[in-house]
Amino acid sequence: MATAAGPEEALSLSLKLRSMFYILTPNETSFCAVQEVPDYVNKATPLFLTLILLEFVVKWGQKGHASAQDSIASLSAGVLSQLPDFQQKWNNKLD
């Protein structure tokens, strides 16, 4: 008996990569209930960090040394993208 996929189902690497760059089809992002929506941020975070590490390694290979400035900028962008969600959770906690 087939069951519907739950929100905790493991996402494929392709889906993780496409969700990080907002390249998902409407069918992949349409759900009947909020509880069915996967936590895309938590699923894409390991890939995000892996790509930052890959960028660091490639720059190290090209120049013989790597500057952490680009990695810090990428991490800052990731953190800043989560501020609205954090603010909403904080405001709900205070109410």
PDB file of N, CA and C in Angstrom:
ATOM      1  N   MET A   1       0.840  -1.180   0.000  1.00  0.00           N
ATOM      2  CA  MET A   1       0.000   0.000   0.000  1.00  0.00           C
ATOM      3  C   MET A   1       0.880   1.235   0.000  1.00  0.00           C
ATOM      4  N   ALA A   2       0.727   2.092  -0.976  1.00  0.00           N
ATOM      5  CA  ALA A   2       1.541   3.295  -1.088  1.00  0.00           C
ATOM      6  C   ALA A   2       0.993   4.396  -0.183  1.00  0.00           C
ATOM      7  N   THR A   3       1.903   5.101   0.448  1.00  0.00           N
ATOM      8  CA  THR A   3       1.498   6.205   1.309  1.00  0.00           C
ATOM      9  C   THR A   3       2.080   7.501   0.772  1.00  0.00           C
ATOM     10  N   ALA A   4       1.448   8.590   1.133  1.00  0.00           N
ATOM     11  CA  ALA A   4       1.937   9.894   0.698  1.00  0.00           C
ATOM     12  C   ALA A   4       3.247  10.204   1.400  1.00  0.00           C
ATOM     13  N   ALA A   5       4.112  10.903   0.695  1.00  0.00           N
ATOM     14  CA  ALA A   5       5.403  11.276   1.261  1.00  0.00           C
ATOM     15  C   ALA A   5       5.207  12.301   2.366  1.00  0.00           C
ATOM     16  N   GLY A   6       5.880  12.084   3.471  1.00  0.00           N
ATOM     17  CA  GLY A   6       5.785  13.009   4.595  1.00  0.00           C
ATOM     18  C   GLY A   6       6.823  14.113   4.482  1.00  0.00           C
ATOM     19  N   PRO A   7       6.723  15.118   5.353  1.00  0.00           N
ATOM     20  CA  PRO A   7       7.649  16.240   5.284  1.00  0.00           C
ATOM     21  C   PRO A   7       9.074  15.859   5.646  1.00  0.00           C
ATOM     22  N   GLU A   8       9.264  14.758   6.355  1.00  0.00           N
ATOM     23  CA  GLU A   8      10.601  14.365   6.775  1.00  0.00           C
ATOM     24  C   GLU A   8      11.293  13.442   5.769  1.00  0.00           C
ATOM     25  N   GLU A   9      10.629  13.164   4.645  1.00  0.00           N
ATOM     26  CA  GLU A   9      11.227  12.288   3.656  1.00  0.00           C
ATOM     27  C   GLU A   9      12.502  12.917   3.114  1.00  0.00           C
ATOM     28  N   ALA A  10      13.510  12.103   2.930  1.00  0.00           N
ATOM     29  CA  ALA A  10      14.792  12.605   2.430  1.00  0.00           C
ATOM     30  C   ALA A  10      14.628  13.130   1.005  1.00  0.00           C
ATOM     31  N   LEU A  11      15.157  14.315   0.770  1.00  0.00           N
ATOM     32  CA  LEU A  11      15.092  14.915  -0.556  1.00  0.00           C
ATOM     33  C   LEU A  11      16.286  14.449  -1.373  1.00  0.00           C
ATOM     34  N   SER A  12      16.083  14.279  -2.679  1.00  0.00           N
ATOM     35  CA  SER A  12      17.178  13.882  -3.535  1.00  0.00           C
ATOM     36  C   SER A  12      18.175  15.030  -3.659  1.00  0.00           C
ATOM     37  N   LEU A  13      19.396  14.720  -4.059  1.00  0.00           N
ATOM     38  CA  LEU A  13      20.418  15.743  -4.240  1.00  0.00           C
ATOM     39  C   LEU A  13      19.967  16.766  -5.273  1.00  0.00           C
ATOM     40  N   SER A  14      19.326  16.291  -6.337  1.00  0.00           N
ATOM     41  CA  SER A  14      18.816  17.189  -7.365  1.00  0.00           C
ATOM     42  C   SER A  14      17.797  18.165  -6.805  1.00  0.00           C
ATOM     43  N   LEU A  15      16.883  17.645  -5.996  1.00  0.00           N
ATOM     44  CA  LEU A  15      15.853  18.504  -5.410  1.00  0.00           C
ATOM     45  C   LEU A  15      16.461  19.504  -4.428  1.00  0.00           C
ATOM     46  N   LYS A  16      17.453  19.069  -3.650  1.00  0.00           N
ATOM     47  CA  LYS A  16      18.126  19.978  -2.729  1.00  0.00           C
ATOM     48  C   LYS A  16      18.804  21.114  -3.485  1.00  0.00           C
ATOM     49  N   LEU A  17      19.516  20.751  -4.545  1.00  0.00           N
ATOM     50  CA  LEU A  17      20.228  21.761  -5.334  1.00  0.00           C
ATOM     51  C   LEU A  17      19.248  22.718  -5.994  1.00  0.00           C
ATOM     52  N   ARG A  18      18.189  22.182  -6.575  1.00  0.00           N
ATOM     53  CA  ARG A  18      17.207  23.038  -7.236  1.00  0.00           C
ATOM     54  C   ARG A  18      16.447  23.904  -6.247  1.00  0.00           C
ATOM     55  N   SER A  19      16.212  23.406  -5.029  1.00  0.00           N
ATOM     56  CA  SER A  19      15.514  24.220  -4.031  1.00  0.00           C
ATOM     57  C   SER A  19      16.401  25.361  -3.549  1.00  0.00           C
ATOM     58  N   MET A  20      17.708  25.150  -3.528  1.00  0.00           N
ATOM     59  CA  MET A  20      18.614  26.211  -3.095  1.00  0.00           C
ATOM     60  C   MET A  20      18.614  27.363  -4.092  1.00  0.00           C
ATOM     61  N   PHE A  21      18.417  27.053  -5.363  1.00  0.00           N
ATOM     62  CA  PHE A  21      18.422  28.080  -6.403  1.00  0.00           C
ATOM     63  C   PHE A  21      17.015  28.405  -6.911  1.00  0.00           C
ATOM     64  N   TYR A  22      15.982  27.968  -6.173  1.00  0.00           N
ATOM     65  CA  TYR A  22      14.580  28.257  -6.519  1.00  0.00           C
ATOM     66  C   TYR A  22      14.215  27.770  -7.920  1.00  0.00           C
ATOM     67  N   ILE A  23      14.687  26.585  -8.291  1.00  0.00           N
ATOM     68  CA  ILE A  23      14.396  26.007  -9.604  1.00  0.00           C
ATOM     69  C   ILE A  23      13.490  24.795  -9.412  1.00  0.00           C
ATOM     70  N   LEU A  24      12.381  24.999  -8.748  1.00  0.00           N
ATOM     71  CA  LEU A  24      11.434  23.921  -8.498  1.00  0.00           C
ATOM     72  C   LEU A  24      10.182  24.125  -9.332  1.00  0.00           C
ATOM     73  N   THR A  25       9.546  23.025  -9.686  1.00  0.00           N
ATOM     74  CA  THR A  25       8.309  23.115 -10.441  1.00  0.00           C
ATOM     75  C   THR A  25       7.157  23.420  -9.494  1.00  0.00           C
ATOM     76  N   PRO A  26       6.052  23.952 -10.005  1.00  0.00           N
ATOM     77  CA  PRO A  26       4.894  24.207  -9.140  1.00  0.00           C
ATOM     78  C   PRO A  26       4.387  22.946  -8.435  1.00  0.00           C
ATOM     79  N   ASN A  27       4.470  21.804  -9.101  1.00  0.00           N
ATOM     80  CA  ASN A  27       4.023  20.552  -8.482  1.00  0.00           C
ATOM     81  C   ASN A  27       4.882  20.168  -7.279  1.00  0.00           C
ATOM     82  N   GLU A  28       6.155  20.558  -7.300  1.00  0.00           N
ATOM     83  CA  GLU A  28       7.046  20.228  -6.191  1.00  0.00           C
ATOM     84  C   GLU A  28       6.871  21.173  -5.002  1.00  0.00           C
ATOM     85  N   THR A  29       6.221  22.293  -5.214  1.00  0.00           N
ATOM     86  CA  THR A  29       6.089  23.282  -4.143  1.00  0.00           C
ATOM     87  C   THR A  29       4.640  23.563  -3.771  1.00  0.00           C
ATOM     88  N   SER A  30       3.719  22.745  -4.265  1.00  0.00           N
ATOM     89  CA  SER A  30       2.296  22.916  -3.934  1.00  0.00           C
ATOM     90  C   SER A  30       1.875  21.806  -2.974  1.00  0.00           C
ATOM     91  N   PHE A  31       1.324  22.205  -1.834  1.00  0.00           N
ATOM     92  CA  PHE A  31       0.923  21.241  -0.822  1.00  0.00           C
ATOM     93  C   PHE A  31      -0.466  21.601  -0.329  1.00  0.00           C
ATOM     94  N   CYS A  32      -1.206  20.592   0.109  1.00  0.00           N
ATOM     95  CA  CYS A  32      -2.566  20.810   0.610  1.00  0.00           C
ATOM     96  C   CYS A  32      -2.574  21.430   1.999  1.00  0.00           C
ATOM     97  N   ALA A  33      -1.595  21.090   2.805  1.00  0.00           N
ATOM     98  CA  ALA A  33      -1.545  21.593   4.190  1.00  0.00           C
ATOM     99  C   ALA A  33      -0.129  22.055   4.512  1.00  0.00           C
ATOM    100  N   VAL A  34      -0.016  22.991   5.413  1.00  0.00           N
ATOM    101  CA  VAL A  34       1.282  23.524   5.810  1.00  0.00           C
ATOM    102  C   VAL A  34       2.165  22.423   6.397  1.00  0.00           C
ATOM    103  N   GLN A  35       1.566  21.467   7.086  1.00  0.00           N
ATOM    104  CA  GLN A  35       2.324  20.389   7.714  1.00  0.00           C
ATOM    105  C   GLN A  35       3.038  19.509   6.679  1.00  0.00           C
ATOM    106  N   GLU A  36       2.568  19.511   5.433  1.00  0.00           N
ATOM    107  CA  GLU A  36       3.168  18.692   4.390  1.00  0.00           C
ATOM    108  C   GLU A  36       4.411  19.328   3.777  1.00  0.00           C
ATOM    109  N   VAL A  37       4.627  20.602   4.018  1.00  0.00           N
ATOM    110  CA  VAL A  37       5.740  21.329   3.393  1.00  0.00           C
ATOM    111  C   VAL A  37       7.052  20.905   4.051  1.00  0.00           C
ATOM    112  N   PRO A  38       8.013  20.419   3.242  1.00  0.00           N
ATOM    113  CA  PRO A  38       9.313  20.051   3.809  1.00  0.00           C
ATOM    114  C   PRO A  38      10.056  21.293   4.287  1.00  0.00           C
ATOM    115  N   ASP A  39      10.966  21.099   5.205  1.00  0.00           N
ATOM    116  CA  ASP A  39      11.800  22.197   5.678  1.00  0.00           C
ATOM    117  C   ASP A  39      12.976  22.328   4.716  1.00  0.00           C
ATOM    118  N   TYR A  40      12.766  23.084   3.644  1.00  0.00           N
ATOM    119  CA  TYR A  40      13.763  23.210   2.589  1.00  0.00           C
ATOM    120  C   TYR A  40      15.069  23.803   3.100  1.00  0.00           C
ATOM    121  N   VAL A  41      14.997  24.721   4.034  1.00  0.00           N
ATOM    122  CA  VAL A  41      16.222  25.362   4.538  1.00  0.00           C
ATOM    123  C   VAL A  41      17.117  24.334   5.220  1.00  0.00           C
ATOM    124  N   ASN A  42      16.553  23.530   6.092  1.00  0.00           N
ATOM    125  CA  ASN A  42      17.360  22.512   6.770  1.00  0.00           C
ATOM    126  C   ASN A  42      17.876  21.461   5.810  1.00  0.00           C
ATOM    127  N   LYS A  43      17.119  21.183   4.777  1.00  0.00           N
ATOM    128  CA  LYS A  43      17.552  20.181   3.805  1.00  0.00           C
ATOM    129  C   LYS A  43      18.660  20.725   2.900  1.00  0.00           C
ATOM    130  N   ALA A  44      18.657  22.021   2.605  1.00  0.00           N
ATOM    131  CA  ALA A  44      19.639  22.601   1.690  1.00  0.00           C
ATOM    132  C   ALA A  44      20.896  23.104   2.400  1.00  0.00           C
ATOM    133  N   THR A  45      20.855  23.267   3.708  1.00  0.00           N
ATOM    134  CA  THR A  45      22.001  23.817   4.435  1.00  0.00           C
ATOM    135  C   THR A  45      23.279  22.996   4.264  1.00  0.00           C
ATOM    136  N   PRO A  46      23.243  21.666   4.376  1.00  0.00           N
ATOM    137  CA  PRO A  46      24.496  20.912   4.155  1.00  0.00           C
ATOM    138  C   PRO A  46      25.077  21.129   2.758  1.00  0.00           C
ATOM    139  N   LEU A  47      24.217  21.214   1.759  1.00  0.00           N
ATOM    140  CA  LEU A  47      24.688  21.459   0.400  1.00  0.00           C
ATOM    141  C   LEU A  47      25.275  22.863   0.284  1.00  0.00           C
ATOM    142  N   PHE A  48      24.651  23.838   0.911  1.00  0.00           N
ATOM    143  CA  PHE A  48      25.138  25.214   0.927  1.00  0.00           C
ATOM    144  C   PHE A  48      26.545  25.267   1.523  1.00  0.00           C
ATOM    145  N   LEU A  49      26.733  24.619   2.660  1.00  0.00           N
ATOM    146  CA  LEU A  49      28.044  24.612   3.305  1.00  0.00           C
ATOM    147  C   LEU A  49      29.073  23.848   2.479  1.00  0.00           C
ATOM    148  N   THR A  50      28.638  22.774   1.824  1.00  0.00           N
ATOM    149  CA  THR A  50      29.536  22.013   0.954  1.00  0.00           C
ATOM    150  C   THR A  50      30.008  22.865  -0.217  1.00  0.00           C
ATOM    151  N   LEU A  51      29.099  23.636  -0.807  1.00  0.00           N
ATOM    152  CA  LEU A  51      29.494  24.500  -1.922  1.00  0.00           C
ATOM    153  C   LEU A  51      30.446  25.612  -1.471  1.00  0.00           C
ATOM    154  N   ILE A  52      30.264  26.120  -0.260  1.00  0.00           N
ATOM    155  CA  ILE A  52      31.196  27.121   0.266  1.00  0.00           C
ATOM    156  C   ILE A  52      32.580  26.495   0.437  1.00  0.00           C
ATOM    157  N   LEU A  53      32.625  25.285   0.987  1.00  0.00           N
ATOM    158  CA  LEU A  53      33.896  24.581   1.156  1.00  0.00           C
ATOM    159  C   LEU A  53      34.541  24.296  -0.201  1.00  0.00           C
ATOM    160  N   LEU A  54      33.735  23.891  -1.173  1.00  0.00           N
ATOM    161  CA  LEU A  54      34.248  23.634  -2.518  1.00  0.00           C
ATOM    162  C   LEU A  54      34.836  24.906  -3.126  1.00  0.00           C
ATOM    163  N   GLU A  55      34.160  26.029  -2.948  1.00  0.00           N
ATOM    164  CA  GLU A  55      34.675  27.310  -3.432  1.00  0.00           C
ATOM    165  C   GLU A  55      36.031  27.616  -2.792  1.00  0.00           C
ATOM    166  N   PHE A  56      36.147  27.372  -1.493  1.00  0.00           N
ATOM    167  CA  PHE A  56      37.387  27.613  -0.764  1.00  0.00           C
ATOM    168  C   PHE A  56      38.514  26.740  -1.323  1.00  0.00           C
ATOM    169  N   VAL A  57      38.218  25.458  -1.566  1.00  0.00           N
ATOM    170  CA  VAL A  57      39.219  24.519  -2.076  1.00  0.00           C
ATOM    171  C   VAL A  57      39.660  24.904  -3.496  1.00  0.00           C
ATOM    172  N   VAL A  58      38.703  25.278  -4.343  1.00  0.00           N
ATOM    173  CA  VAL A  58      39.037  25.662  -5.719  1.00  0.00           C
ATOM    174  C   VAL A  58      39.930  26.900  -5.723  1.00  0.00           C
ATOM    175  N   LYS A  59      39.591  27.882  -4.909  1.00  0.00           N
ATOM    176  CA  LYS A  59      40.422  29.090  -4.849  1.00  0.00           C
ATOM    177  C   LYS A  59      41.807  28.769  -4.301  1.00  0.00           C
ATOM    178  N   TRP A  60      41.874  27.852  -3.352  1.00  0.00           N
ATOM    179  CA  TRP A  60      43.165  27.434  -2.822  1.00  0.00           C
ATOM    180  C   TRP A  60      44.000  26.805  -3.940  1.00  0.00           C
ATOM    181  N   GLY A  61      43.366  25.969  -4.756  1.00  0.00           N
ATOM    182  CA  GLY A  61      44.061  25.319  -5.863  1.00  0.00           C
ATOM    183  C   GLY A  61      44.507  26.294  -6.933  1.00  0.00           C
ATOM    184  N   GLN A  62      43.732  27.332  -7.171  1.00  0.00           N
ATOM    185  CA  GLN A  62      44.071  28.304  -8.212  1.00  0.00           C
ATOM    186  C   GLN A  62      45.198  29.238  -7.787  1.00  0.00           C
ATOM    187  N   LYS A  63      45.153  29.701  -6.544  1.00  0.00           N
ATOM    188  CA  LYS A  63      46.091  30.731  -6.091  1.00  0.00           C
ATOM    189  C   LYS A  63      47.182  30.194  -5.171  1.00  0.00           C
ATOM    190  N   GLY A  64      47.040  28.988  -4.676  1.00  0.00           N
ATOM    191  CA  GLY A  64      47.984  28.467  -3.703  1.00  0.00           C
ATOM    192  C   GLY A  64      47.638  28.900  -2.289  1.00  0.00           C
ATOM    193  N   HIS A  65      46.677  29.779  -2.152  1.00  0.00           N
ATOM    194  CA  HIS A  65      46.151  30.197  -0.853  1.00  0.00           C
ATOM    195  C   HIS A  65      44.706  30.625  -1.078  1.00  0.00           C
ATOM    196  N   ALA A  66      43.957  30.673  -0.030  1.00  0.00           N
ATOM    197  CA  ALA A  66      42.549  31.057  -0.165  1.00  0.00           C
ATOM    198  C   ALA A  66      42.216  32.143   0.847  1.00  0.00           C
ATOM    199  N   SER A  67      41.429  33.078   0.414  1.00  0.00           N
ATOM    200  CA  SER A  67      40.952  34.133   1.299  1.00  0.00           C
ATOM    201  C   SER A  67      39.601  33.703   1.863  1.00  0.00           C
ATOM    202  N   ALA A  68      39.411  33.943   3.108  1.00  0.00           N
ATOM    203  CA  ALA A  68      38.157  33.560   3.753  1.00  0.00           C
ATOM    204  C   ALA A  68      37.064  34.594   3.512  1.00  0.00           C
ATOM    205  N   GLN A  69      37.376  35.687   2.847  1.00  0.00           N
ATOM    206  CA  GLN A  69      36.397  36.764   2.658  1.00  0.00           C
ATOM    207  C   GLN A  69      35.155  36.297   1.908  1.00  0.00           C
ATOM    208  N   ASP A  70      35.333  35.549   0.821  1.00  0.00           N
ATOM    209  CA  ASP A  70      34.176  35.072   0.058  1.00  0.00           C
ATOM    210  C   ASP A  70      33.344  34.085   0.870  1.00  0.00           C
ATOM    211  N   SER A  71      34.016  33.226   1.610  1.00  0.00           N
ATOM    212  CA  SER A  71      33.290  32.259   2.439  1.00  0.00           C
ATOM    213  C   SER A  71      32.500  32.971   3.529  1.00  0.00           C
ATOM    214  N   ILE A  72      33.104  33.964   4.139  1.00  0.00           N
ATOM    215  CA  ILE A  72      32.406  34.730   5.175  1.00  0.00           C
ATOM    216  C   ILE A  72      31.220  35.474   4.575  1.00  0.00           C
ATOM    217  N   ALA A  73      31.397  36.023   3.378  1.00  0.00           N
ATOM    218  CA  ALA A  73      30.290  36.712   2.713  1.00  0.00           C
ATOM    219  C   ALA A  73      29.145  35.751   2.402  1.00  0.00           C
ATOM    220  N   SER A  74      29.460  34.553   1.945  1.00  0.00           N
ATOM    221  CA  SER A  74      28.424  33.555   1.656  1.00  0.00           C
ATOM    222  C   SER A  74      27.687  33.140   2.926  1.00  0.00           C
ATOM    223  N   LEU A  75      28.434  32.903   3.989  1.00  0.00           N
ATOM    224  CA  LEU A  75      27.798  32.544   5.258  1.00  0.00           C
ATOM    225  C   LEU A  75      26.938  33.679   5.786  1.00  0.00           C
ATOM    226  N   SER A  76      27.412  34.911   5.642  1.00  0.00           N
ATOM    227  CA  SER A  76      26.634  36.070   6.090  1.00  0.00           C
ATOM    228  C   SER A  76      25.338  36.190   5.302  1.00  0.00           C
ATOM    229  N   ALA A  77      25.412  35.955   3.996  1.00  0.00           N
ATOM    230  CA  ALA A  77      24.203  36.010   3.170  1.00  0.00           C
ATOM    231  C   ALA A  77      23.208  34.939   3.607  1.00  0.00           C
ATOM    232  N   GLY A  78      23.710  33.751   3.925  1.00  0.00           N
ATOM    233  CA  GLY A  78      22.832  32.680   4.394  1.00  0.00           C
ATOM    234  C   GLY A  78      22.173  33.028   5.723  1.00  0.00           C
ATOM    235  N   VAL A  79      22.939  33.610   6.632  1.00  0.00           N
ATOM    236  CA  VAL A  79      22.388  33.996   7.932  1.00  0.00           C
ATOM    237  C   VAL A  79      21.375  35.124   7.768  1.00  0.00           C
ATOM    238  N   LEU A  80      21.719  36.120   6.959  1.00  0.00           N
ATOM    239  CA  LEU A  80      20.815  37.249   6.758  1.00  0.00           C
ATOM    240  C   LEU A  80      19.510  36.829   6.092  1.00  0.00           C
ATOM    241  N   SER A  81      19.571  35.813   5.247  1.00  0.00           N
ATOM    242  CA  SER A  81      18.349  35.348   4.590  1.00  0.00           C
ATOM    243  C   SER A  81      17.379  34.723   5.588  1.00  0.00           C
ATOM    244  N   GLN A  82      17.880  34.320   6.752  1.00  0.00           N
ATOM    245  CA  GLN A  82      17.036  33.680   7.759  1.00  0.00           C
ATOM    246  C   GLN A  82      16.513  34.660   8.810  1.00  0.00           C
ATOM    247  N   LEU A  83      16.960  35.904   8.779  1.00  0.00           N
ATOM    248  CA  LEU A  83      16.526  36.874   9.788  1.00  0.00           C
ATOM    249  C   LEU A  83      15.014  37.109   9.828  1.00  0.00           C
ATOM    250  N   PRO A  84      14.324  37.243   8.696  1.00  0.00           N
ATOM    251  CA  PRO A  84      12.865  37.435   8.779  1.00  0.00           C
ATOM    252  C   PRO A  84      12.155  36.278   9.490  1.00  0.00           C
ATOM    253  N   ASP A  85      12.593  35.042   9.224  1.00  0.00           N
ATOM    254  CA  ASP A  85      11.994  33.883   9.879  1.00  0.00           C
ATOM    255  C   ASP A  85      12.283  33.915  11.371  1.00  0.00           C
ATOM    256  N   PHE A  86      13.506  34.263  11.739  1.00  0.00           N
ATOM    257  CA  PHE A  86      13.880  34.367  13.147  1.00  0.00           C
ATOM    258  C   PHE A  86      13.058  35.452  13.840  1.00  0.00           C
ATOM    259  N   GLN A  87      12.888  36.581  13.170  1.00  0.00           N
ATOM    260  CA  GLN A  87      12.112  37.682  13.751  1.00  0.00           C
ATOM    261  C   GLN A  87      10.661  37.247  13.984  1.00  0.00           C
ATOM    262  N   GLN A  88      10.090  36.545  13.021  1.00  0.00           N
ATOM    263  CA  GLN A  88       8.709  36.086  13.156  1.00  0.00           C
ATOM    264  C   GLN A  88       8.577  35.117  14.341  1.00  0.00           C
ATOM    265  N   LYS A  89       9.523  34.188  14.473  1.00  0.00           N
ATOM    266  CA  LYS A  89       9.479  33.240  15.593  1.00  0.00           C
ATOM    267  C   LYS A  89       9.663  33.979  16.918  1.00  0.00           C
ATOM    268  N   TRP A  90      10.540  34.968  16.934  1.00  0.00           N
ATOM    269  CA  TRP A  90      10.779  35.739  18.152  1.00  0.00           C
ATOM    270  C   TRP A  90       9.521  36.511  18.555  1.00  0.00           C
ATOM    271  N   ASN A  91       8.880  37.147  17.581  1.00  0.00           N
ATOM    272  CA  ASN A  91       7.664  37.902  17.871  1.00  0.00           C
ATOM    273  C   ASN A  91       6.544  36.991  18.366  1.00  0.00           C
ATOM    274  N   ASN A  92       6.414  35.812  17.792  1.00  0.00           N
ATOM    275  CA  ASN A  92       5.398  34.855  18.242  1.00  0.00           C
ATOM    276  C   ASN A  92       5.696  34.357  19.660  1.00  0.00           C
ATOM    277  N   LYS A  93       6.971  34.258  19.992  1.00  0.00           N
ATOM    278  CA  LYS A  93       7.361  33.801  21.317  1.00  0.00           C
ATOM    279  C   LYS A  93       7.003  34.864  22.368  1.00  0.00           C
ATOM    280  N   LEU A  94       7.118  36.135  22.000  1.00  0.00           N
ATOM    281  CA  LEU A  94       6.822  37.215  22.940  1.00  0.00           C
ATOM    282  C   LEU A  94       5.327  37.395  23.169  1.00  0.00           C
ATOM    283  N   ASP A  95       4.519  36.990  22.188  1.00  0.00           N
ATOM    284  CA  ASP A  95       3.055  37.155  22.322  1.00  0.00           C
ATOM    285  C   ASP A  95       2.432  36.198  23.279  1.00  0.00           C
TER     286      ASP A  95
END
